[in-house]
PDB file of N, CA and C in Angstrom:
ATOM      1  N   MET A   1     -72.574 120.574 -90.088  1.00  0.00           N
ATOM      2  CA  MET A   1     -71.204 120.788 -89.651  1.00  0.00           C
ATOM      3  C   MET A   1     -70.596 119.438 -89.279  1.00  0.00           C
ATOM      4  N   PRO A   2     -69.385 119.163 -89.733  1.00  0.00           N
ATOM      5  CA  PRO A   2     -68.739 117.882 -89.449  1.00  0.00           C
ATOM      6  C   PRO A   2     -68.383 117.736 -87.967  1.00  0.00           C
ATOM      7  N   SER A   3     -68.238 116.485 -87.544  1.00  0.00           N
ATOM      8  CA  SER A   3     -67.830 116.192 -86.171  1.00  0.00           C
ATOM      9  C   SER A   3     -66.418 116.709 -85.927  1.00  0.00           C
ATOM     10  N   GLU A   4     -66.028 116.749 -84.665  1.00  0.00           N
ATOM     11  CA  GLU A   4     -64.686 117.227 -84.311  1.00  0.00           C
ATOM     12  C   GLU A   4     -63.614 116.348 -84.969  1.00  0.00           C
ATOM     13  N   LYS A   5     -63.809 115.040 -84.938  1.00  0.00           N
ATOM     14  CA  LYS A   5     -62.850 114.109 -85.539  1.00  0.00           C
ATOM     15  C   LYS A   5     -62.692 114.382 -87.031  1.00  0.00           C
ATOM     16  N   LEU A   6     -63.805 114.483 -87.742  1.00  0.00           N
ATOM     17  CA  LEU A   6     -63.767 114.718 -89.179  1.00  0.00           C
ATOM     18  C   LEU A   6     -63.166 116.084 -89.487  1.00  0.00           C
ATOM     19  N   THR A   7     -63.483 117.087 -88.706  1.00  0.00           N
ATOM     20  CA  THR A   7     -62.928 118.421 -88.908  1.00  0.00           C
ATOM     21  C   THR A   7     -61.409 118.397 -88.799  1.00  0.00           C
ATOM     22  N   ARG A   8     -60.882 117.663 -87.793  1.00  0.00           N
ATOM     23  CA  ARG A   8     -59.420 117.555 -87.647  1.00  0.00           C
ATOM     24  C   ARG A   8     -58.794 116.904 -88.874  1.00  0.00           C
ATOM     25  N   ILE A   9     -59.414 115.852 -89.370  1.00  0.00           N
ATOM     26  CA  ILE A   9     -58.882 115.151 -90.542  1.00  0.00           C
ATOM     27  C   ILE A   9     -58.905 116.065 -91.762  1.00  0.00           C
ATOM     28  N   LEU A  10     -60.027 116.747 -91.988  1.00  0.00           N
ATOM     29  CA  LEU A  10     -60.139 117.634 -93.153  1.00  0.00           C
ATOM     30  C   LEU A  10     -59.153 118.794 -93.081  1.00  0.00           C
ATOM     31  N   LYS A  11     -58.955 119.353 -91.894  1.00  0.00           N
ATOM     32  CA  LYS A  11     -57.994 120.451 -91.756  1.00  0.00           C
ATOM     33  C   LYS A  11     -56.581 119.974 -92.068  1.00  0.00           C
ATOM     34  N   ALA A  12     -56.275 118.740 -91.697  1.00  0.00           N
ATOM     35  CA  ALA A  12     -54.925 118.205 -91.910  1.00  0.00           C
ATOM     36  C   ALA A  12     -54.701 117.727 -93.343  1.00  0.00           C
ATOM     37  N   LYS A  13     -55.717 117.188 -93.994  1.00  0.00           N
ATOM     38  CA  LYS A  13     -55.523 116.506 -95.269  1.00  0.00           C
ATOM     39  C   LYS A  13     -56.119 117.200 -96.490  1.00  0.00           C
ATOM     40  N   SER A  14     -57.063 118.095 -96.286  1.00  0.00           N
ATOM     41  CA  SER A  14     -57.767 118.665 -97.442  1.00  0.00           C
ATOM     42  C   SER A  14     -57.278 120.077 -97.756  1.00  0.00           C
ATOM     43  N   PRO A  15     -57.596 120.559 -98.939  1.00  0.00           N
ATOM     44  CA  PRO A  15     -57.243 121.933 -99.299  1.00  0.00           C
ATOM     45  C   PRO A  15     -58.300 122.947 -98.850  1.00  0.00           C
ATOM     46  N   PHE A  16     -59.326 122.493 -98.141  1.00  0.00           N
ATOM     47  CA  PHE A  16     -60.466 123.344 -97.800  1.00  0.00           C
ATOM     48  C   PHE A  16     -60.158 124.291 -96.649  1.00  0.00           C
ATOM     49  N   SER A  17     -60.745 125.469 -96.706  1.00  0.00           N
ATOM     50  CA  SER A  17     -60.632 126.436 -95.605  1.00  0.00           C
ATOM     51  C   SER A  17     -61.545 126.000 -94.467  1.00  0.00           C
ATOM     52  N   ALA A  18     -61.336 126.609 -93.305  1.00  0.00           N
ATOM     53  CA  ALA A  18     -62.164 126.299 -92.140  1.00  0.00           C
ATOM     54  C   ALA A  18     -63.636 126.613 -92.413  1.00  0.00           C
ATOM     55  N   ASP A  19     -63.900 127.675 -93.162  1.00  0.00           N
ATOM     56  CA  ASP A  19     -65.283 128.048 -93.484  1.00  0.00           C
ATOM     57  C   ASP A  19     -65.944 126.992 -94.369  1.00  0.00           C
ATOM     58  N   VAL A  20     -65.209 126.505 -95.360  1.00  0.00           N
ATOM     59  CA  VAL A  20     -65.754 125.482 -96.257  1.00  0.00           C
ATOM     60  C   VAL A  20     -66.005 124.193 -95.473  1.00  0.00           C
ATOM     61  N   ILE A  21     -65.071 123.819 -94.603  1.00  0.00           N
ATOM     62  CA  ILE A  21     -65.230 122.607 -93.796  1.00  0.00           C
ATOM     63  C   ILE A  21     -66.448 122.716 -92.891  1.00  0.00           C
ATOM     64  N   SER A  22     -66.628 123.853 -92.255  1.00  0.00           N
ATOM     65  CA  SER A  22     -67.765 123.997 -91.337  1.00  0.00           C
ATOM     66  C   SER A  22     -69.103 123.980 -92.070  1.00  0.00           C
ATOM     67  N   ALA A  23     -69.104 124.301 -93.379  1.00  0.00           N
ATOM     68  CA  ALA A  23     -70.344 124.279 -94.156  1.00  0.00           C
ATOM     69  C   ALA A  23     -70.677 122.882 -94.689  1.00  0.00           C
ATOM     70  N   MET A  24     -69.714 121.946 -94.612  1.00  0.00           N
ATOM     71  CA  MET A  24     -69.941 120.576 -95.108  1.00  0.00           C
ATOM     72  C   MET A  24     -70.824 119.782 -94.160  1.00  0.00           C
ATOM     73  N   SER A  25     -71.532 118.825 -94.725  1.00  0.00           N
ATOM     74  CA  SER A  25     -72.247 117.869 -93.893  1.00  0.00           C
ATOM     75  C   SER A  25     -71.260 116.770 -93.495  1.00  0.00           C
ATOM     76  N   GLU A  26     -71.594 115.990 -92.511  1.00  0.00           N
ATOM     77  CA  GLU A  26     -70.762 114.863 -92.089  1.00  0.00           C
ATOM     78  C   GLU A  26     -70.528 113.910 -93.264  1.00  0.00           C
ATOM     79  N   SER A  27     -71.582 113.631 -93.996  1.00  0.00           N
ATOM     80  CA  SER A  27     -71.492 112.708 -95.130  1.00  0.00           C
ATOM     81  C   SER A  27     -70.583 113.253 -96.229  1.00  0.00           C
ATOM     82  N   GLU A  28     -70.720 114.531 -96.560  1.00  0.00           N
ATOM     83  CA  GLU A  28     -69.867 115.140 -97.592  1.00  0.00           C
ATOM     84  C   GLU A  28     -68.394 115.077 -97.190  1.00  0.00           C
ATOM     85  N   GLY A  29     -68.128 115.354 -95.919  1.00  0.00           N
ATOM     86  CA  GLY A  29     -66.753 115.322 -95.441  1.00  0.00           C
ATOM     87  C   GLY A  29     -66.146 113.940 -95.536  1.00  0.00           C
ATOM     88  N   TRP A  30     -66.880 112.921 -95.058  1.00  0.00           N
ATOM     89  CA  TRP A  30     -66.354 111.553 -95.126  1.00  0.00           C
ATOM     90  C   TRP A  30     -66.225 111.082 -96.565  1.00  0.00           C
ATOM     91  N   ASP A  31     -67.134 111.486 -97.418  1.00  0.00           N
ATOM     92  CA  ASP A  31     -67.009 111.121 -98.829  1.00  0.00           C
ATOM     93  C   ASP A  31     -65.702 111.654 -99.404  1.00  0.00           C
ATOM     94  N   TRP A  32     -65.349 112.901 -99.062  1.00  0.00           N
ATOM     95  CA  TRP A  32     -64.098 113.466 -99.561  1.00  0.00           C
ATOM     96  C   TRP A  32     -62.898 112.704 -98.991  1.00  0.00           C
ATOM     97  N   VAL A  33     -62.931 112.418 -97.689  1.00  0.00           N
ATOM     98  CA  VAL A  33     -61.814 111.711 -97.048  1.00  0.00           C
ATOM     99  C   VAL A  33     -61.588 110.359 -97.715  1.00  0.00           C
ATOM    100  N   TYR A  34     -62.649 109.581 -97.882  1.00  0.00           N
ATOM    101  CA  TYR A  34     -62.484 108.243 -98.444  1.00  0.00           C
ATOM    102  C   TYR A  34     -62.145 108.268 -99.933  1.00  0.00           C
ATOM    103  N   ALA A  35     -62.500 109.323-100.622  1.00  0.00           N
ATOM    104  CA  ALA A  35     -62.147 109.428-102.031  1.00  0.00           C
ATOM    105  C   ALA A  35     -60.705 109.893-102.224  1.00  0.00           C
ATOM    106  N   ASN A  36     -60.159 110.612-101.239  1.00  0.00           N
ATOM    107  CA  ASN A  36     -58.857 111.240-101.433  1.00  0.00           C
ATOM    108  C   ASN A  36     -57.746 110.815-100.483  1.00  0.00           C
ATOM    109  N   CYS A  37     -58.072 110.124 -99.421  1.00  0.00           N
ATOM    110  CA  CYS A  37     -57.053 109.818 -98.417  1.00  0.00           C
ATOM    111  C   CYS A  37     -56.754 108.330 -98.261  1.00  0.00           C
ATOM    112  N   ALA A  38     -57.438 107.480 -98.954  1.00  0.00           N
ATOM    113  CA  ALA A  38     -57.164 106.048 -98.852  1.00  0.00           C
ATOM    114  C   ALA A  38     -55.835 105.736 -99.520  1.00  0.00           C
ATOM    115  N   THR A  39     -55.207 104.639 -99.108  1.00  0.00           N
ATOM    116  CA  THR A  39     -53.929 104.263 -99.698  1.00  0.00           C
ATOM    117  C   THR A  39     -54.091 103.957-101.173  1.00  0.00           C
ATOM    118  N   ARG A  40     -55.227 103.431-101.564  1.00  0.00           N
ATOM    119  CA  ARG A  40     -55.572 103.226-102.971  1.00  0.00           C
ATOM    120  C   ARG A  40     -56.951 103.827-103.154  1.00  0.00           C
ATOM    121  N   LYS A  41     -57.073 104.745-104.079  1.00  0.00           N
ATOM    122  CA  LYS A  41     -58.318 105.493-104.220  1.00  0.00           C
ATOM    123  C   LYS A  41     -59.507 104.628-104.605  1.00  0.00           C
ATOM    124  N   ASP A  42     -59.254 103.455-105.194  1.00  0.00           N
ATOM    125  CA  ASP A  42     -60.364 102.618-105.619  1.00  0.00           C
ATOM    126  C   ASP A  42     -60.827 101.647-104.534  1.00  0.00           C
ATOM    127  N   LYS A  43     -60.172 101.660-103.371  1.00  0.00           N
ATOM    128  CA  LYS A  43     -60.538 100.726-102.315  1.00  0.00           C
ATOM    129  C   LYS A  43     -60.545 101.431-100.971  1.00  0.00           C
ATOM    130  N   MET A  44     -61.373 100.938-100.065  1.00  0.00           N
ATOM    131  CA  MET A  44     -61.373 101.495 -98.726  1.00  0.00           C
ATOM    132  C   MET A  44     -60.216 100.898 -97.929  1.00  0.00           C
ATOM    133  N   LEU A  45     -59.837 101.565 -96.876  1.00  0.00           N
ATOM    134  CA  LEU A  45     -58.789 101.044 -96.002  1.00  0.00           C
ATOM    135  C   LEU A  45     -59.240  99.709 -95.419  1.00  0.00           C
ATOM    136  N   GLN A  46     -58.299  98.766 -95.337  1.00  0.00           N
ATOM    137  CA  GLN A  46     -58.596  97.421 -94.857  1.00  0.00           C
ATOM    138  C   GLN A  46     -57.917  97.186 -93.515  1.00  0.00           C
ATOM    139  N   VAL A  47     -58.605  96.478 -92.628  1.00  0.00           N
ATOM    140  CA  VAL A  47     -58.055  96.065 -91.345  1.00  0.00           C
ATOM    141  C   VAL A  47     -58.302  94.571 -91.171  1.00  0.00           C
ATOM    142  N   CYS A  48     -57.357  93.894 -90.542  1.00  0.00           N
ATOM    143  CA  CYS A  48     -57.490  92.472 -90.249  1.00  0.00           C
ATOM    144  C   CYS A  48     -57.331  92.306 -88.740  1.00  0.00           C
ATOM    145  N   PHE A  49     -58.119  91.430 -88.148  1.00  0.00           N
ATOM    146  CA  PHE A  49     -58.049  91.166 -86.713  1.00  0.00           C
ATOM    147  C   PHE A  49     -57.526  89.755 -86.501  1.00  0.00           C
ATOM    148  N   THR A  50     -56.550  89.618 -85.613  1.00  0.00           N
ATOM    149  CA  THR A  50     -55.980  88.311 -85.334  1.00  0.00           C
ATOM    150  C   THR A  50     -55.647  88.207 -83.848  1.00  0.00           C
ATOM    151  N   GLY A  51     -55.743  86.981 -83.331  1.00  0.00           N
ATOM    152  CA  GLY A  51     -55.398  86.761 -81.933  1.00  0.00           C
ATOM    153  C   GLY A  51     -56.493  87.123 -80.955  1.00  0.00           C
ATOM    154  N   PHE A  52     -57.723  87.224 -81.446  1.00  0.00           N
ATOM    155  CA  PHE A  52     -58.876  87.533 -80.597  1.00  0.00           C
ATOM    156  C   PHE A  52     -59.833  86.346 -80.604  1.00  0.00           C
ATOM    157  N   SER A  53     -60.689  86.263 -79.598  1.00  0.00           N
ATOM    158  CA  SER A  53     -61.740  85.242 -79.602  1.00  0.00           C
ATOM    159  C   SER A  53     -62.707  85.557 -80.738  1.00  0.00           C
ATOM    160  N   ALA A  54     -63.499  84.581 -81.118  1.00  0.00           N
ATOM    161  CA  ALA A  54     -64.471  84.787 -82.200  1.00  0.00           C
ATOM    162  C   ALA A  54     -65.434  85.924 -81.864  1.00  0.00           C
ATOM    163  N   THR A  55     -65.845  86.000 -80.617  1.00  0.00           N
ATOM    164  CA  THR A  55     -66.768  87.062 -80.191  1.00  0.00           C
ATOM    165  C   THR A  55     -66.107  88.436 -80.300  1.00  0.00           C
ATOM    166  N   GLU A  56     -64.878  88.551 -79.799  1.00  0.00           N
ATOM    167  CA  GLU A  56     -64.166  89.827 -79.880  1.00  0.00           C
ATOM    168  C   GLU A  56     -63.935  90.229 -81.337  1.00  0.00           C
ATOM    169  N   LYS A  57     -63.543  89.261 -82.142  1.00  0.00           N
ATOM    170  CA  LYS A  57     -63.275  89.540 -83.558  1.00  0.00           C
ATOM    171  C   LYS A  57     -64.528  90.050 -84.256  1.00  0.00           C
ATOM    172  N   ALA A  58     -65.676  89.442 -83.955  1.00  0.00           N
ATOM    173  CA  ALA A  58     -66.938  89.882 -84.554  1.00  0.00           C
ATOM    174  C   ALA A  58     -67.287  91.304 -84.107  1.00  0.00           C
ATOM    175  N   GLU A  59     -67.073  91.605 -82.831  1.00  0.00           N
ATOM    176  CA  GLU A  59     -67.342  92.955 -82.324  1.00  0.00           C
ATOM    177  C   GLU A  59     -66.435  93.985 -83.005  1.00  0.00           C
ATOM    178  N   LEU A  60     -65.152  93.652 -83.109  1.00  0.00           N
ATOM    179  CA  LEU A  60     -64.202  94.569 -83.736  1.00  0.00           C
ATOM    180  C   LEU A  60     -64.510  94.770 -85.221  1.00  0.00           C
ATOM    181  N   ALA A  61     -64.884  93.695 -85.905  1.00  0.00           N
ATOM    182  CA  ALA A  61     -65.222  93.795 -87.328  1.00  0.00           C
ATOM    183  C   ALA A  61     -66.435  94.695 -87.530  1.00  0.00           C
ATOM    184  N   GLU A  62     -67.432  94.543 -86.680  1.00  0.00           N
ATOM    185  CA  GLU A  62     -68.627  95.396 -86.778  1.00  0.00           C
ATOM    186  C   GLU A  62     -68.268  96.855 -86.520  1.00  0.00           C
ATOM    187  N   LEU A  63     -67.425  97.094 -85.540  1.00  0.00           N
ATOM    188  CA  LEU A  63     -66.977  98.447 -85.226  1.00  0.00           C
ATOM    189  C   LEU A  63     -66.214  99.050 -86.415  1.00  0.00           C
ATOM    190  N   ALA A  64     -65.359  98.261 -87.031  1.00  0.00           N
ATOM    191  CA  ALA A  64     -64.599  98.724 -88.200  1.00  0.00           C
ATOM    192  C   ALA A  64     -65.542  99.095 -89.338  1.00  0.00           C
ATOM    193  N   ARG A  65     -66.518  98.239 -89.614  1.00  0.00           N
ATOM    194  CA  ARG A  65     -67.464  98.509 -90.709  1.00  0.00           C
ATOM    195  C   ARG A  65     -68.266  99.780 -90.448  1.00  0.00           C
ATOM    196  N   LYS A  66     -68.647 100.007 -89.195  1.00  0.00           N
ATOM    197  CA  LYS A  66     -69.382 101.226 -88.847  1.00  0.00           C
ATOM    198  C   LYS A  66     -68.559 102.472 -89.129  1.00  0.00           C
ATOM    199  N   HIS A  67     -67.243 102.325 -89.102  1.00  0.00           N
ATOM    200  CA  HIS A  67     -66.344 103.447 -89.367  1.00  0.00           C
ATOM    201  C   HIS A  67     -65.791 103.409 -90.790  1.00  0.00           C
ATOM    202  N   ARG A  68     -66.483 102.677 -91.651  1.00  0.00           N
ATOM    203  CA  ARG A  68     -66.169 102.612 -93.085  1.00  0.00           C
ATOM    204  C   ARG A  68     -64.796 102.030 -93.398  1.00  0.00           C
ATOM    205  N   LEU A  69     -64.393 101.040 -92.623  1.00  0.00           N
ATOM    206  CA  LEU A  69     -63.172 100.302 -92.908  1.00  0.00           C
ATOM    207  C   LEU A  69     -63.554  98.941 -93.458  1.00  0.00           C
ATOM    208  N   GLY A  70     -62.796  98.455 -94.413  1.00  0.00           N
ATOM    209  CA  GLY A  70     -63.000  97.103 -94.901  1.00  0.00           C
ATOM    210  C   GLY A  70     -62.362  96.121 -93.928  1.00  0.00           C
ATOM    211  N   VAL A  71     -62.923  94.938 -93.827  1.00  0.00           N
ATOM    212  CA  VAL A  71     -62.398  93.927 -92.919  1.00  0.00           C
ATOM    213  C   VAL A  71     -61.876  92.758 -93.743  1.00  0.00           C
ATOM    214  N   ALA A  72     -60.580  92.482 -93.593  1.00  0.00           N
ATOM    215  CA  ALA A  72     -59.936  91.376 -94.297  1.00  0.00           C
ATOM    216  C   ALA A  72     -59.744  90.212 -93.322  1.00  0.00           C
ATOM    217  N   THR A  73     -59.618  89.019 -93.879  1.00  0.00           N
ATOM    218  CA  THR A  73     -59.414  87.845 -93.029  1.00  0.00           C
ATOM    219  C   THR A  73     -57.974  87.360 -93.052  1.00  0.00           C
ATOM    220  N   SER A  74     -57.144  87.981 -93.899  1.00  0.00           N
ATOM    221  CA  SER A  74     -55.735  87.600 -93.962  1.00  0.00           C
ATOM    222  C   SER A  74     -54.900  88.811 -94.349  1.00  0.00           C
ATOM    223  N   VAL A  75     -53.601  88.671 -94.225  1.00  0.00           N
ATOM    224  CA  VAL A  75     -52.677  89.748 -94.590  1.00  0.00           C
ATOM    225  C   VAL A  75     -52.525  89.739 -96.111  1.00  0.00           C
ATOM    226  N   THR A  76     -52.959  90.826 -96.730  1.00  0.00           N
ATOM    227  CA  THR A  76     -52.889  90.964 -98.183  1.00  0.00           C
ATOM    228  C   THR A  76     -52.122  92.237 -98.534  1.00  0.00           C
ATOM    229  N   ASN A  77     -51.866  92.429 -99.812  1.00  0.00           N
ATOM    230  CA  ASN A  77     -51.154  93.628-100.255  1.00  0.00           C
ATOM    231  C   ASN A  77     -51.931  94.907 -99.980  1.00  0.00           C
ATOM    232  N   ASP A  78     -53.248  94.830 -99.896  1.00  0.00           N
ATOM    233  CA  ASP A  78     -54.086  96.005 -99.688  1.00  0.00           C
ATOM    234  C   ASP A  78     -54.331  96.322 -98.215  1.00  0.00           C
ATOM    235  N   LEU A  79     -53.788  95.521 -97.316  1.00  0.00           N
ATOM    236  CA  LEU A  79     -54.065  95.688 -95.890  1.00  0.00           C
ATOM    237  C   LEU A  79     -53.358  96.927 -95.346  1.00  0.00           C
ATOM    238  N   ALA A  80     -54.102  97.766 -94.628  1.00  0.00           N
ATOM    239  CA  ALA A  80     -53.526  98.961 -94.015  1.00  0.00           C
ATOM    240  C   ALA A  80     -53.157  98.710 -92.556  1.00  0.00           C
ATOM    241  N   PHE A  81     -54.019  97.946 -91.833  1.00  0.00           N
ATOM    242  CA  PHE A  81     -53.826  97.741 -90.402  1.00  0.00           C
ATOM    243  C   PHE A  81     -54.014  96.276 -90.028  1.00  0.00           C
ATOM    244  N   LEU A  82     -53.150  95.784 -89.138  1.00  0.00           N
ATOM    245  CA  LEU A  82     -53.344  94.479 -88.516  1.00  0.00           C
ATOM    246  C   LEU A  82     -53.517  94.740 -87.041  1.00  0.00           C
ATOM    247  N   CYS A  83     -54.693  94.437 -86.532  1.00  0.00           N
ATOM    248  CA  CYS A  83     -55.004  94.623 -85.117  1.00  0.00           C
ATOM    249  C   CYS A  83     -54.796  93.275 -84.438  1.00  0.00           C
ATOM    250  N   ALA A  84     -53.826  93.216 -83.534  1.00  0.00           N
ATOM    251  CA  ALA A  84     -53.421  91.946 -82.942  1.00  0.00           C
ATOM    252  C   ALA A  84     -53.789  91.849 -81.470  1.00  0.00           C
ATOM    253  N   GLY A  85     -54.397  90.726 -81.129  1.00  0.00           N
ATOM    254  CA  GLY A  85     -54.709  90.415 -79.744  1.00  0.00           C
ATOM    255  C   GLY A  85     -53.593  89.605 -79.116  1.00  0.00           C
ATOM    256  N   GLU A  86     -53.825  89.150 -77.890  1.00  0.00           N
ATOM    257  CA  GLU A  86     -52.805  88.421 -77.143  1.00  0.00           C
ATOM    258  C   GLU A  86     -52.416  87.101 -77.792  1.00  0.00           C
ATOM    259  N   SER A  87     -53.289  86.484 -78.557  1.00  0.00           N
ATOM    260  CA  SER A  87     -53.015  85.176 -79.160  1.00  0.00           C
ATOM    261  C   SER A  87     -52.599  85.264 -80.622  1.00  0.00           C
ATOM    262  N   ALA A  88     -52.129  86.417 -81.057  1.00  0.00           N
ATOM    263  CA  ALA A  88     -51.740  86.590 -82.463  1.00  0.00           C
ATOM    264  C   ALA A  88     -50.557  85.687 -82.797  1.00  0.00           C
ATOM    265  N   GLY A  89     -50.646  85.063 -83.958  1.00  0.00           N
ATOM    266  CA  GLY A  89     -49.585  84.167 -84.391  1.00  0.00           C
ATOM    267  C   GLY A  89     -48.389  84.916 -84.954  1.00  0.00           C
ATOM    268  N   PRO A  90     -47.188  84.410 -84.724  1.00  0.00           N
ATOM    269  CA  PRO A  90     -45.984  85.095 -85.194  1.00  0.00           C
ATOM    270  C   PRO A  90     -45.876  85.163 -86.719  1.00  0.00           C
ATOM    271  N   ALA A  91     -46.405  84.186 -87.431  1.00  0.00           N
ATOM    272  CA  ALA A  91     -46.311  84.205 -88.896  1.00  0.00           C
ATOM    273  C   ALA A  91     -47.096  85.375 -89.476  1.00  0.00           C
ATOM    274  N   LYS A  92     -48.311  85.593 -88.980  1.00  0.00           N
ATOM    275  CA  LYS A  92     -49.137  86.693 -89.486  1.00  0.00           C
ATOM    276  C   LYS A  92     -48.506  88.039 -89.119  1.00  0.00           C
ATOM    277  N   LEU A  93     -47.971  88.132 -87.916  1.00  0.00           N
ATOM    278  CA  LEU A  93     -47.319  89.370 -87.493  1.00  0.00           C
ATOM    279  C   LEU A  93     -46.086  89.660 -88.352  1.00  0.00           C
ATOM    280  N   SER A  94     -45.296  88.644 -88.634  1.00  0.00           N
ATOM    281  CA  SER A  94     -44.094  88.810 -89.461  1.00  0.00           C
ATOM    282  C   SER A  94     -44.446  89.213 -90.878  1.00  0.00           C
ATOM    283  N   LYS A  95     -45.450  88.560 -91.454  1.00  0.00           N
ATOM    284  CA  LYS A  95     -45.858  88.874 -92.820  1.00  0.00           C
ATOM    285  C   LYS A  95     -46.337  90.325 -92.909  1.00  0.00           C
ATOM    286  N   ALA A  96     -47.133  90.735 -91.934  1.00  0.00           N
ATOM    287  CA  ALA A  96     -47.640  92.111 -91.930  1.00  0.00           C
ATOM    288  C   ALA A  96     -46.495  93.113 -91.794  1.00  0.00           C
ATOM    289  N   ALA A  97     -45.572  92.839 -90.904  1.00  0.00           N
ATOM    290  CA  ALA A  97     -44.435  93.740 -90.710  1.00  0.00           C
ATOM    291  C   ALA A  97     -43.592  93.829 -91.985  1.00  0.00           C
ATOM    292  N   ALA A  98     -43.386  92.697 -92.648  1.00  0.00           N
ATOM    293  CA  ALA A  98     -42.596  92.676 -93.885  1.00  0.00           C
ATOM    294  C   ALA A  98     -43.254  93.482 -94.999  1.00  0.00           C
ATOM    295  N   GLN A  99     -44.573  93.563 -94.978  1.00  0.00           N
ATOM    296  CA  GLN A  99     -45.316  94.303 -96.008  1.00  0.00           C
ATOM    297  C   GLN A  99     -45.540  95.762 -95.626  1.00  0.00           C
ATOM    298  N   GLY A 100     -45.069  96.170 -94.462  1.00  0.00           N
ATOM    299  CA  GLY A 100     -45.234  97.556 -94.037  1.00  0.00           C
ATOM    300  C   GLY A 100     -46.612  97.876 -93.495  1.00  0.00           C
ATOM    301  N   VAL A 101     -47.362  96.854 -93.091  1.00  0.00           N
ATOM    302  CA  VAL A 101     -48.694  97.042 -92.524  1.00  0.00           C
ATOM    303  C   VAL A 101     -48.547  97.611 -91.110  1.00  0.00           C
ATOM    304  N   THR A 102     -49.370  98.572 -90.754  1.00  0.00           N
ATOM    305  CA  THR A 102     -49.348  99.152 -89.419  1.00  0.00           C
ATOM    306  C   THR A 102     -49.952  98.166 -88.429  1.00  0.00           C
ATOM    307  N   LEU A 103     -49.172  97.805 -87.411  1.00  0.00           N
ATOM    308  CA  LEU A 103     -49.637  96.879 -86.373  1.00  0.00           C
ATOM    309  C   LEU A 103     -50.251  97.675 -85.235  1.00  0.00           C
ATOM    310  N   LEU A 104     -51.430  97.240 -84.780  1.00  0.00           N
ATOM    311  CA  LEU A 104     -52.148  97.930 -83.717  1.00  0.00           C
ATOM    312  C   LEU A 104     -52.602  96.956 -82.646  1.00  0.00           C
ATOM    313  N   THR A 105     -52.647  97.417 -81.409  1.00  0.00           N
ATOM    314  CA  THR A 105     -53.337  96.683 -80.349  1.00  0.00           C
ATOM    315  C   THR A 105     -54.812  97.072 -80.425  1.00  0.00           C
ATOM    316  N   ARG A 106     -55.645  96.417 -79.652  1.00  0.00           N
ATOM    317  CA  ARG A 106     -57.059  96.788 -79.635  1.00  0.00           C
ATOM    318  C   ARG A 106     -57.229  98.239 -79.177  1.00  0.00           C
ATOM    319  N   ALA A 107     -56.495  98.621 -78.148  1.00  0.00           N
ATOM    320  CA  ALA A 107     -56.592  99.989 -77.627  1.00  0.00           C
ATOM    321  C   ALA A 107     -56.170 101.009 -78.691  1.00  0.00           C
ATOM    322  N   GLU A 108     -55.111 100.699 -79.434  1.00  0.00           N
ATOM    323  CA  GLU A 108     -54.657 101.608 -80.493  1.00  0.00           C
ATOM    324  C   GLU A 108     -55.676 101.680 -81.628  1.00  0.00           C
ATOM    325  N   PHE A 109     -56.313 100.541 -81.942  1.00  0.00           N
ATOM    326  CA  PHE A 109     -57.356 100.536 -82.970  1.00  0.00           C
ATOM    327  C   PHE A 109     -58.536 101.402 -82.537  1.00  0.00           C
ATOM    328  N   GLU A 110     -58.955 101.265 -81.292  1.00  0.00           N
ATOM    329  CA  GLU A 110     -60.072 102.067 -80.788  1.00  0.00           C
ATOM    330  C   GLU A 110     -59.713 103.547 -80.768  1.00  0.00           C
ATOM    331  N   ARG A 111     -58.453 103.867 -80.472  1.00  0.00           N
ATOM    332  CA  ARG A 111     -58.001 105.260 -80.513  1.00  0.00           C
ATOM    333  C   ARG A 111     -58.042 105.784 -81.949  1.00  0.00           C
ATOM    334  N   LEU A 112     -57.625 104.959 -82.889  1.00  0.00           N
ATOM    335  CA  LEU A 112     -57.685 105.331 -84.314  1.00  0.00           C
ATOM    336  C   LEU A 112     -59.108 105.687 -84.717  1.00  0.00           C
ATOM    337  N   LEU A 113     -60.069 104.868 -84.308  1.00  0.00           N
ATOM    338  CA  LEU A 113     -61.462 105.143 -84.653  1.00  0.00           C
ATOM    339  C   LEU A 113     -61.972 106.421 -83.982  1.00  0.00           C
ATOM    340  N   ALA A 114     -61.534 106.647 -82.756  1.00  0.00           N
ATOM    341  CA  ALA A 114     -62.024 107.808 -82.004  1.00  0.00           C
ATOM    342  C   ALA A 114     -61.395 109.118 -82.463  1.00  0.00           C
ATOM    343  N   THR A 115     -60.104 109.073 -82.865  1.00  0.00           N
ATOM    344  CA  THR A 115     -59.400 110.320 -83.145  1.00  0.00           C
ATOM    345  C   THR A 115     -58.936 110.449 -84.595  1.00  0.00           C
ATOM    346  N   GLY A 116     -58.881 109.318 -85.325  1.00  0.00           N
ATOM    347  CA  GLY A 116     -58.347 109.354 -86.675  1.00  0.00           C
ATOM    348  C   GLY A 116     -56.834 109.332 -86.711  1.00  0.00           C
ATOM    349  N   GLU A 117     -56.213 109.115 -85.550  1.00  0.00           N
ATOM    350  CA  GLU A 117     -54.767 109.150 -85.438  1.00  0.00           C
ATOM    351  C   GLU A 117     -54.211 107.794 -85.028  1.00  0.00           C
ATOM    352  N   VAL A 118     -53.019 107.488 -85.533  1.00  0.00           N
ATOM    353  CA  VAL A 118     -52.298 106.280 -85.139  1.00  0.00           C
ATOM    354  C   VAL A 118     -51.146 106.728 -84.269  1.00  0.00           C
ATOM    355  N   ALA A 119     -50.993 106.106 -83.093  1.00  0.00           N
ATOM    356  CA  ALA A 119     -49.904 106.456 -82.191  1.00  0.00           C
ATOM    357  C   ALA A 119     -48.565 106.243 -82.872  1.00  0.00           C
ATOM    358  N   ALA A 120     -47.651 107.168 -82.661  1.00  0.00           N
ATOM    359  CA  ALA A 120     -46.320 107.068 -83.295  1.00  0.00           C
ATOM    360  C   ALA A 120     -45.425 106.115 -82.548  1.00  0.00           C
TER     361      ALA A 120
END
C-alpha cells in the first residue's frame, strides 16, 4: 500500500480508483508518478539550490535525490524549482522568474518533499 503522500498524489493526478491505488506498492506508485507527471516525460523534475552554504547545499541535494529529484547547478530550461537561501544572487533569481521556474525557500522545499504540494 502506498504512503499517505503518494496516495494523495495518485488520487489527484492518476485515473486509478482508490482500490487500485491501495493495491499498488510504493515503488509502482512512484514509477507511475514519475512516468506521467513530470514536466517532460523523458526527464525527472530538476531543482537547483542557490544562496546556501556548501554544507547546506550538499544536504539539500542529497535530500532531493532521495526523493527522486534531479539536482541542477544552474538555471536551465528544464529546471522546475529554484530553492533560494538568504544569499541568493539577484541574477539567478531573475533568470528563474523569467523562465517561469517555481521559486522556493528551504521551508517550502521541505514542505514539497513532505506533502507533494507547493504553497500557492
